[in-house]
Amino acid sequence: MEVSTMTSKGQIVVPARLRKRYGIKPGTKIHFIERDHEILFQPVTSEYIRSVCGLLKGDGSLTKELLKERARDKKREEKKLGKRCAR
């Protein structure tokens, strides 16, 4: 287990072995993840991006689904409006 100490500016040093292993270079963005009583960090590298590409891929188009949902909402609102006007 590697250990690092936080500076007064809130900075920590990632050990060289881990920087090399995970491709962390100056300017690499880091995504912090809170989980239970842990703080994890995920370097956002090109390898990481490739590993998550297509992860949320579905069968249909999200845009089409959103448009269908909006159309259903519009019909529902028109029905409500029609009932109010009929009174």
PDB file of N, CA and C in Angstrom:
ATOM      1  N   MET A   1       0.853  -1.176   0.000  1.00  0.00           N
ATOM      2  CA  MET A   1       0.000   0.000   0.000  1.00  0.00           C
ATOM      3  C   MET A   1       0.896   1.234   0.000  1.00  0.00           C
ATOM      4  N   GLU A   2       0.587   2.156  -0.871  1.00  0.00           N
ATOM      5  CA  GLU A   2       1.343   3.403  -0.978  1.00  0.00           C
ATOM      6  C   GLU A   2       0.657   4.464  -0.116  1.00  0.00           C
ATOM      7  N   VAL A   3       1.436   5.389   0.427  1.00  0.00           N
ATOM      8  CA  VAL A   3       0.899   6.447   1.289  1.00  0.00           C
ATOM      9  C   VAL A   3       1.384   7.792   0.786  1.00  0.00           C
ATOM     10  N   SER A   4       0.508   8.782   0.861  1.00  0.00           N
ATOM     11  CA  SER A   4       0.858  10.150   0.486  1.00  0.00           C
ATOM     12  C   SER A   4       0.263  11.080   1.528  1.00  0.00           C
ATOM     13  N   THR A   5       0.865  12.241   1.727  1.00  0.00           N
ATOM     14  CA  THR A   5       0.372  13.210   2.700  1.00  0.00           C
ATOM     15  C   THR A   5      -0.188  14.419   1.966  1.00  0.00           C
ATOM     16  N   MET A   6      -1.323  14.910   2.426  1.00  0.00           N
ATOM     17  CA  MET A   6      -1.947  16.074   1.815  1.00  0.00           C
ATOM     18  C   MET A   6      -1.238  17.350   2.264  1.00  0.00           C
ATOM     19  N   THR A   7      -1.050  18.283   1.324  1.00  0.00           N
ATOM     20  CA  THR A   7      -0.419  19.563   1.647  1.00  0.00           C
ATOM     21  C   THR A   7      -1.460  20.525   2.206  1.00  0.00           C
ATOM     22  N   SER A   8      -1.009  21.672   2.659  1.00  0.00           N
ATOM     23  CA  SER A   8      -1.931  22.690   3.185  1.00  0.00           C
ATOM     24  C   SER A   8      -2.838  23.238   2.085  1.00  0.00           C
ATOM     25  N   LYS A   9      -2.471  23.034   0.824  1.00  0.00           N
ATOM     26  CA  LYS A   9      -3.301  23.473  -0.306  1.00  0.00           C
ATOM     27  C   LYS A   9      -4.265  22.382  -0.773  1.00  0.00           C
ATOM     28  N   GLY A  10      -4.326  21.254  -0.066  1.00  0.00           N
ATOM     29  CA  GLY A  10      -5.233  20.174  -0.437  1.00  0.00           C
ATOM     30  C   GLY A  10      -4.700  19.299  -1.556  1.00  0.00           C
ATOM     31  N   GLN A  11      -3.397  19.324  -1.788  1.00  0.00           N
ATOM     32  CA  GLN A  11      -2.802  18.534  -2.862  1.00  0.00           C
ATOM     33  C   GLN A  11      -2.175  17.261  -2.297  1.00  0.00           C
ATOM     34  N   ILE A  12      -2.220  16.210  -3.116  1.00  0.00           N
ATOM     35  CA  ILE A  12      -1.534  14.971  -2.753  1.00  0.00           C
ATOM     36  C   ILE A  12      -0.665  14.543  -3.931  1.00  0.00           C
ATOM     37  N   VAL A  13       0.342  13.741  -3.638  1.00  0.00           N
ATOM     38  CA  VAL A  13       1.219  13.225  -4.684  1.00  0.00           C
ATOM     39  C   VAL A  13       0.812  11.788  -4.960  1.00  0.00           C
ATOM     40  N   VAL A  14       0.532  11.492  -6.224  1.00  0.00           N
ATOM     41  CA  VAL A  14       0.241  10.116  -6.627  1.00  0.00           C
ATOM     42  C   VAL A  14       1.591   9.451  -6.855  1.00  0.00           C
ATOM     43  N   PRO A  15       1.850   8.351  -6.183  1.00  0.00           N
ATOM     44  CA  PRO A  15       3.146   7.681  -6.318  1.00  0.00           C
ATOM     45  C   PRO A  15       3.478   7.360  -7.776  1.00  0.00           C
ATOM     46  N   ALA A  16       4.757   7.487  -8.116  1.00  0.00           N
ATOM     47  CA  ALA A  16       5.235   7.293  -9.495  1.00  0.00           C
ATOM     48  C   ALA A  16       4.812   5.953 -10.071  1.00  0.00           C
ATOM     49  N   ARG A  17       4.866   4.903  -9.283  1.00  0.00           N
ATOM     50  CA  ARG A  17       4.489   3.567  -9.767  1.00  0.00           C
ATOM     51  C   ARG A  17       3.049   3.559 -10.266  1.00  0.00           C
ATOM     52  N   LEU A  18       2.152   4.217  -9.523  1.00  0.00           N
ATOM     53  CA  LEU A  18       0.742   4.262  -9.923  1.00  0.00           C
ATOM     54  C   LEU A  18       0.527   5.197 -11.111  1.00  0.00           C
ATOM     55  N   ARG A  19       1.256   6.321 -11.148  1.00  0.00           N
ATOM     56  CA  ARG A  19       1.138   7.233 -12.300  1.00  0.00           C
ATOM     57  C   ARG A  19       1.518   6.513 -13.587  1.00  0.00           C
ATOM     58  N   LYS A  20       2.616   5.758 -13.539  1.00  0.00           N
ATOM     59  CA  LYS A  20       3.063   5.024 -14.731  1.00  0.00           C
ATOM     60  C   LYS A  20       2.057   3.942 -15.111  1.00  0.00           C
ATOM     61  N   ARG A  21       1.600   3.198 -14.131  1.00  0.00           N
ATOM     62  CA  ARG A  21       0.683   2.077 -14.391  1.00  0.00           C
ATOM     63  C   ARG A  21      -0.626   2.537 -15.018  1.00  0.00           C
ATOM     64  N   TYR A  22      -1.147   3.683 -14.574  1.00  0.00           N
ATOM     65  CA  TYR A  22      -2.456   4.153 -15.038  1.00  0.00           C
ATOM     66  C   TYR A  22      -2.372   5.304 -16.033  1.00  0.00           C
ATOM     67  N   GLY A  23      -1.173   5.627 -16.488  1.00  0.00           N
ATOM     68  CA  GLY A  23      -1.019   6.655 -17.519  1.00  0.00           C
ATOM     69  C   GLY A  23      -1.392   8.053 -17.065  1.00  0.00           C
ATOM     70  N   ILE A  24      -1.139   8.359 -15.806  1.00  0.00           N
ATOM     71  CA  ILE A  24      -1.456   9.684 -15.272  1.00  0.00           C
ATOM     72  C   ILE A  24      -0.288  10.609 -15.554  1.00  0.00           C
ATOM     73  N   LYS A  25      -0.570  11.652 -16.326  1.00  0.00           N
ATOM     74  CA  LYS A  25       0.457  12.624 -16.715  1.00  0.00           C
ATOM     75  C   LYS A  25       0.001  14.013 -16.280  1.00  0.00           C
ATOM     76  N   PRO A  26       0.890  14.999 -16.295  1.00  0.00           N
ATOM     77  CA  PRO A  26       0.449  16.362 -15.966  1.00  0.00           C
ATOM     78  C   PRO A  26      -0.717  16.765 -16.863  1.00  0.00           C
ATOM     79  N   GLY A  27      -1.765  17.293 -16.247  1.00  0.00           N
ATOM     80  CA  GLY A  27      -2.948  17.711 -16.992  1.00  0.00           C
ATOM     81  C   GLY A  27      -4.038  16.658 -17.070  1.00  0.00           C
ATOM     82  N   THR A  28      -3.757  15.423 -16.614  1.00  0.00           N
ATOM     83  CA  THR A  28      -4.777  14.367 -16.629  1.00  0.00           C
ATOM     84  C   THR A  28      -5.893  14.747 -15.662  1.00  0.00           C
ATOM     85  N   LYS A  29      -7.131  14.680 -16.130  1.00  0.00           N
ATOM     86  CA  LYS A  29      -8.282  14.959 -15.259  1.00  0.00           C
ATOM     87  C   LYS A  29      -8.530  13.730 -14.389  1.00  0.00           C
ATOM     88  N   ILE A  30      -8.978  13.989 -13.164  1.00  0.00           N
ATOM     89  CA  ILE A  30      -9.255  12.936 -12.198  1.00  0.00           C
ATOM     90  C   ILE A  30     -10.710  13.050 -11.764  1.00  0.00           C
ATOM     91  N   HIS A  31     -11.451  11.946 -11.832  1.00  0.00           N
ATOM     92  CA  HIS A  31     -12.840  11.904 -11.396  1.00  0.00           C
ATOM     93  C   HIS A  31     -12.863  11.302  -9.997  1.00  0.00           C
ATOM     94  N   PHE A  32     -13.364  12.055  -9.005  1.00  0.00           N
ATOM     95  CA  PHE A  32     -13.447  11.572  -7.630  1.00  0.00           C
ATOM     96  C   PHE A  32     -14.803  10.931  -7.402  1.00  0.00           C
ATOM     97  N   ILE A  33     -14.808   9.776  -6.781  1.00  0.00           N
ATOM     98  CA  ILE A  33     -16.026   9.004  -6.558  1.00  0.00           C
ATOM     99  C   ILE A  33     -16.152   8.727  -5.068  1.00  0.00           C
ATOM    100  N   GLU A  34     -17.283   9.130  -4.478  1.00  0.00           N
ATOM    101  CA  GLU A  34     -17.549   8.829  -3.071  1.00  0.00           C
ATOM    102  C   GLU A  34     -18.358   7.540  -3.018  1.00  0.00           C
ATOM    103  N   ARG A  35     -17.922   6.595  -2.212  1.00  0.00           N
ATOM    104  CA  ARG A  35     -18.632   5.327  -2.082  1.00  0.00           C
ATOM    105  C   ARG A  35     -18.533   4.877  -0.639  1.00  0.00           C
ATOM    106  N   ASP A  36     -19.678   4.821   0.028  1.00  0.00           N
ATOM    107  CA  ASP A  36     -19.735   4.480   1.448  1.00  0.00           C
ATOM    108  C   ASP A  36     -18.758   5.384   2.203  1.00  0.00           C
ATOM    109  N   HIS A  37     -17.742   4.808   2.806  1.00  0.00           N
ATOM    110  CA  HIS A  37     -16.777   5.592   3.574  1.00  0.00           C
ATOM    111  C   HIS A  37     -15.426   5.629   2.867  1.00  0.00           C
ATOM    112  N   GLU A  38     -15.474   5.641   1.524  1.00  0.00           N
ATOM    113  CA  GLU A  38     -14.249   5.652   0.732  1.00  0.00           C
ATOM    114  C   GLU A  38     -14.293   6.789  -0.275  1.00  0.00           C
ATOM    115  N   ILE A  39     -13.117   7.238  -0.672  1.00  0.00           N
ATOM    116  CA  ILE A  39     -12.981   8.167  -1.787  1.00  0.00           C
ATOM    117  C   ILE A  39     -12.097   7.467  -2.807  1.00  0.00           C
ATOM    118  N   LEU A  40     -12.651   7.234  -3.987  1.00  0.00           N
ATOM    119  CA  LEU A  40     -11.891   6.611  -5.066  1.00  0.00           C
ATOM    120  C   LEU A  40     -11.584   7.688  -6.091  1.00  0.00           C
ATOM    121  N   PHE A  41     -10.508   7.521  -6.824  1.00  0.00           N
ATOM    122  CA  PHE A  41     -10.308   8.447  -7.924  1.00  0.00           C
ATOM    123  C   PHE A  41      -9.977   7.690  -9.189  1.00  0.00           C
ATOM    124  N   GLN A  42     -10.589   8.159 -10.282  1.00  0.00           N
ATOM    125  CA  GLN A  42     -10.456   7.522 -11.582  1.00  0.00           C
ATOM    126  C   GLN A  42      -9.801   8.502 -12.535  1.00  0.00           C
ATOM    127  N   PRO A  43      -8.592   8.215 -12.999  1.00  0.00           N
ATOM    128  CA  PRO A  43      -7.982   9.085 -13.992  1.00  0.00           C
ATOM    129  C   PRO A  43      -8.778   8.992 -15.301  1.00  0.00           C
ATOM    130  N   VAL A  44      -9.082  10.129 -15.893  1.00  0.00           N
ATOM    131  CA  VAL A  44      -9.832  10.153 -17.146  1.00  0.00           C
ATOM    132  C   VAL A  44      -8.810  10.210 -18.280  1.00  0.00           C
ATOM    133  N   THR A  45      -8.391   9.027 -18.705  1.00  0.00           N
ATOM    134  CA  THR A  45      -7.395   8.887 -19.773  1.00  0.00           C
ATOM    135  C   THR A  45      -8.076   8.329 -21.021  1.00  0.00           C
ATOM    136  N   SER A  46      -7.366   8.325 -22.135  1.00  0.00           N
ATOM    137  CA  SER A  46      -7.946   7.781 -23.363  1.00  0.00           C
ATOM    138  C   SER A  46      -8.280   6.294 -23.189  1.00  0.00           C
ATOM    139  N   GLU A  47      -7.488   5.572 -22.415  1.00  0.00           N
ATOM    140  CA  GLU A  47      -7.772   4.157 -22.164  1.00  0.00           C
ATOM    141  C   GLU A  47      -9.081   4.007 -21.401  1.00  0.00           C
ATOM    142  N   TYR A  48      -9.300   4.871 -20.415  1.00  0.00           N
ATOM    143  CA  TYR A  48     -10.541   4.822 -19.640  1.00  0.00           C
ATOM    144  C   TYR A  48     -11.741   5.145 -20.535  1.00  0.00           C
ATOM    145  N   ILE A  49     -11.608   6.171 -21.367  1.00  0.00           N
ATOM    146  CA  ILE A  49     -12.696   6.547 -22.271  1.00  0.00           C
ATOM    147  C   ILE A  49     -13.037   5.372 -23.184  1.00  0.00           C
ATOM    148  N   ARG A  50     -12.029   4.729 -23.754  1.00  0.00           N
ATOM    149  CA  ARG A  50     -12.278   3.567 -24.622  1.00  0.00           C
ATOM    150  C   ARG A  50     -12.971   2.438 -23.862  1.00  0.00           C
ATOM    151  N   SER A  51     -12.619   2.267 -22.596  1.00  0.00           N
ATOM    152  CA  SER A  51     -13.196   1.159 -21.820  1.00  0.00           C
ATOM    153  C   SER A  51     -14.678   1.374 -21.519  1.00  0.00           C
ATOM    154  N   VAL A  52     -15.132   2.619 -21.471  1.00  0.00           N
ATOM    155  CA  VAL A  52     -16.544   2.876 -21.171  1.00  0.00           C
ATOM    156  C   VAL A  52     -17.367   3.192 -22.410  1.00  0.00           C
ATOM    157  N   CYS A  53     -16.736   3.305 -23.573  1.00  0.00           N
ATOM    158  CA  CYS A  53     -17.483   3.561 -24.805  1.00  0.00           C
ATOM    159  C   CYS A  53     -18.461   2.432 -25.063  1.00  0.00           C
ATOM    160  N   GLY A  54     -19.700   2.793 -25.336  1.00  0.00           N
ATOM    161  CA  GLY A  54     -20.716   1.804 -25.641  1.00  0.00           C
ATOM    162  C   GLY A  54     -21.333   1.149 -24.421  1.00  0.00           C
ATOM    163  N   LEU A  55     -20.878   1.530 -23.234  1.00  0.00           N
ATOM    164  CA  LEU A  55     -21.377   0.925 -22.004  1.00  0.00           C
ATOM    165  C   LEU A  55     -22.878   1.136 -21.840  1.00  0.00           C
ATOM    166  N   LEU A  56     -23.365   2.296 -22.208  1.00  0.00           N
ATOM    167  CA  LEU A  56     -24.780   2.613 -22.046  1.00  0.00           C
ATOM    168  C   LEU A  56     -25.556   2.480 -23.349  1.00  0.00           C
ATOM    169  N   LYS A  57     -24.954   1.851 -24.311  1.00  0.00           N
ATOM    170  CA  LYS A  57     -25.573   1.705 -25.619  1.00  0.00           C
ATOM    171  C   LYS A  57     -26.862   0.900 -25.498  1.00  0.00           C
ATOM    172  N   GLY A  58     -27.911   1.420 -26.086  1.00  0.00           N
ATOM    173  CA  GLY A  58     -29.193   0.726 -26.070  1.00  0.00           C
ATOM    174  C   GLY A  58     -29.605   0.358 -27.478  1.00  0.00           C
ATOM    175  N   ASP A  59     -30.769  -0.246 -27.574  1.00  0.00           N
ATOM    176  CA  ASP A  59     -31.277  -0.660 -28.879  1.00  0.00           C
ATOM    177  C   ASP A  59     -31.856   0.502 -29.664  1.00  0.00           C
ATOM    178  N   GLY A  60     -32.454   1.469 -28.961  1.00  0.00           N
ATOM    179  CA  GLY A  60     -33.131   2.557 -29.649  1.00  0.00           C
ATOM    180  C   GLY A  60     -32.422   3.880 -29.462  1.00  0.00           C
ATOM    181  N   SER A  61     -32.978   4.891 -30.097  1.00  0.00           N
ATOM    182  CA  SER A  61     -32.431   6.231 -29.999  1.00  0.00           C
ATOM    183  C   SER A  61     -33.027   6.934 -28.783  1.00  0.00           C
ATOM    184  N   LEU A  62     -32.183   7.496 -27.963  1.00  0.00           N
ATOM    185  CA  LEU A  62     -32.677   8.229 -26.801  1.00  0.00           C
ATOM    186  C   LEU A  62     -33.468   9.458 -27.223  1.00  0.00           C
ATOM    187  N   THR A  63     -33.073  10.076 -28.313  1.00  0.00           N
ATOM    188  CA  THR A  63     -33.791  11.254 -28.809  1.00  0.00           C
ATOM    189  C   THR A  63     -35.202  10.864 -29.213  1.00  0.00           C
ATOM    190  N   LYS A  64     -35.348   9.754 -29.933  1.00  0.00           N
ATOM    191  CA  LYS A  64     -36.678   9.302 -30.340  1.00  0.00           C
ATOM    192  C   LYS A  64     -37.546   8.993 -29.129  1.00  0.00           C
ATOM    193  N   GLU A  65     -36.968   8.334 -28.140  1.00  0.00           N
ATOM    194  CA  GLU A  65     -37.720   8.012 -26.927  1.00  0.00           C
ATOM    195  C   GLU A  65     -38.158   9.276 -26.201  1.00  0.00           C
ATOM    196  N   LEU A  66     -37.265  10.260 -26.127  1.00  0.00           N
ATOM    197  CA  LEU A  66     -37.608  11.524 -25.477  1.00  0.00           C
ATOM    198  C   LEU A  66     -38.739  12.225 -26.218  1.00  0.00           C
ATOM    199  N   LEU A  67     -38.692  12.233 -27.545  1.00  0.00           N
ATOM    200  CA  LEU A  67     -39.757  12.868 -28.333  1.00  0.00           C
ATOM    201  C   LEU A  67     -41.090  12.153 -28.129  1.00  0.00           C
ATOM    202  N   LYS A  68     -41.073  10.831 -28.070  1.00  0.00           N
ATOM    203  CA  LYS A  68     -42.309  10.073 -27.815  1.00  0.00           C
ATOM    204  C   LYS A  68     -42.876  10.418 -26.445  1.00  0.00           C
ATOM    205  N   GLU A  69     -41.991  10.500 -25.454  1.00  0.00           N
ATOM    206  CA  GLU A  69     -42.426  10.823 -24.092  1.00  0.00           C
ATOM    207  C   GLU A  69     -43.026  12.220 -24.032  1.00  0.00           C
ATOM    208  N   ARG A  70     -42.400  13.150 -24.707  1.00  0.00           N
ATOM    209  CA  ARG A  70     -42.929  14.517 -24.738  1.00  0.00           C
ATOM    210  C   ARG A  70     -44.286  14.570 -25.429  1.00  0.00           C
ATOM    211  N   ALA A  71     -44.462  13.790 -26.495  1.00  0.00           N
ATOM    212  CA  ALA A  71     -45.745  13.748 -27.206  1.00  0.00           C
ATOM    213  C   ALA A  71     -46.829  13.196 -26.276  1.00  0.00           C
ATOM    214  N   ARG A  72     -46.508  12.163 -25.510  1.00  0.00           N
ATOM    215  CA  ARG A  72     -47.484  11.605 -24.553  1.00  0.00           C
ATOM    216  C   ARG A  72     -47.834  12.639 -23.493  1.00  0.00           C
ATOM    217  N   ASP A  73     -46.828  13.360 -22.995  1.00  0.00           N
ATOM    218  CA  ASP A  73     -47.084  14.408 -22.000  1.00  0.00           C
ATOM    219  C   ASP A  73     -47.989  15.492 -22.568  1.00  0.00           C
ATOM    220  N   LYS A  74     -47.744  15.869 -23.810  1.00  0.00           N
ATOM    221  CA  LYS A  74     -48.548  16.920 -24.451  1.00  0.00           C
ATOM    222  C   LYS A  74     -50.008  16.488 -24.573  1.00  0.00           C
ATOM    223  N   LYS A  75     -50.241  15.235 -24.995  1.00  0.00           N
ATOM    224  CA  LYS A  75     -51.609  14.723 -25.101  1.00  0.00           C
ATOM    225  C   LYS A  75     -52.291  14.718 -23.741  1.00  0.00           C
ATOM    226  N   ARG A  76     -51.561  14.300 -22.728  1.00  0.00           N
ATOM    227  CA  ARG A  76     -52.107  14.259 -21.368  1.00  0.00           C
ATOM    228  C   ARG A  76     -52.508  15.659 -20.913  1.00  0.00           C
ATOM    229  N   GLU A  77     -51.663  16.637 -21.182  1.00  0.00           N
ATOM    230  CA  GLU A  77     -51.964  18.025 -20.805  1.00  0.00           C
ATOM    231  C   GLU A  77     -53.149  18.569 -21.587  1.00  0.00           C
ATOM    232  N   GLU A  78     -53.237  18.223 -22.876  1.00  0.00           N
ATOM    233  CA  GLU A  78     -54.366  18.682 -23.682  1.00  0.00           C
ATOM    234  C   GLU A  78     -55.677  18.099 -23.173  1.00  0.00           C
ATOM    235  N   LYS A  79     -55.653  16.837 -22.727  1.00  0.00           N
ATOM    236  CA  LYS A  79     -56.851  16.221 -22.166  1.00  0.00           C
ATOM    237  C   LYS A  79     -57.278  16.952 -20.898  1.00  0.00           C
ATOM    238  N   LYS A  80     -56.301  17.258 -20.034  1.00  0.00           N
ATOM    239  CA  LYS A  80     -56.607  17.979 -18.792  1.00  0.00           C
ATOM    240  C   LYS A  80     -57.210  19.341 -19.120  1.00  0.00           C
ATOM    241  N   LEU A  81     -56.636  20.036 -20.073  1.00  0.00           N
ATOM    242  CA  LEU A  81     -57.103  21.361 -20.470  1.00  0.00           C
ATOM    243  C   LEU A  81     -58.503  21.264 -21.047  1.00  0.00           C
ATOM    244  N   GLY A  82     -58.746  20.227 -21.859  1.00  0.00           N
ATOM    245  CA  GLY A  82     -60.061  20.029 -22.459  1.00  0.00           C
ATOM    246  C   GLY A  82     -61.123  19.785 -21.415  1.00  0.00           C
ATOM    247  N   LYS A  83     -60.815  19.030 -20.372  1.00  0.00           N
ATOM    248  CA  LYS A  83     -61.770  18.755 -19.293  1.00  0.00           C
ATOM    249  C   LYS A  83     -62.073  20.024 -18.523  1.00  0.00           C
ATOM    250  N   ARG A  84     -61.090  20.874 -18.315  1.00  0.00           N
ATOM    251  CA  ARG A  84     -61.319  22.132 -17.579  1.00  0.00           C
ATOM    252  C   ARG A  84     -62.219  23.078 -18.380  1.00  0.00           C
ATOM    253  N   CYS A  85     -62.016  23.122 -19.681  1.00  0.00           N
ATOM    254  CA  CYS A  85     -62.798  24.013 -20.537  1.00  0.00           C
ATOM    255  C   CYS A  85     -64.229  23.531 -20.677  1.00  0.00           C
ATOM    256  N   ALA A  86     -64.457  22.221 -20.554  1.00  0.00           N
ATOM    257  CA  ALA A  86     -65.795  21.659 -20.708  1.00  0.00           C
ATOM    258  C   ALA A  86     -66.664  21.967 -19.515  1.00  0.00           C
ATOM    259  N   ARG A  87     -66.106  22.311 -18.421  1.00  0.00           N
ATOM    260  CA  ARG A  87     -66.875  22.587 -17.189  1.00  0.00           C
ATOM    261  C   ARG A  87     -67.591  23.859 -17.251  1.00  0.00           C
TER     262      ARG A  87
END
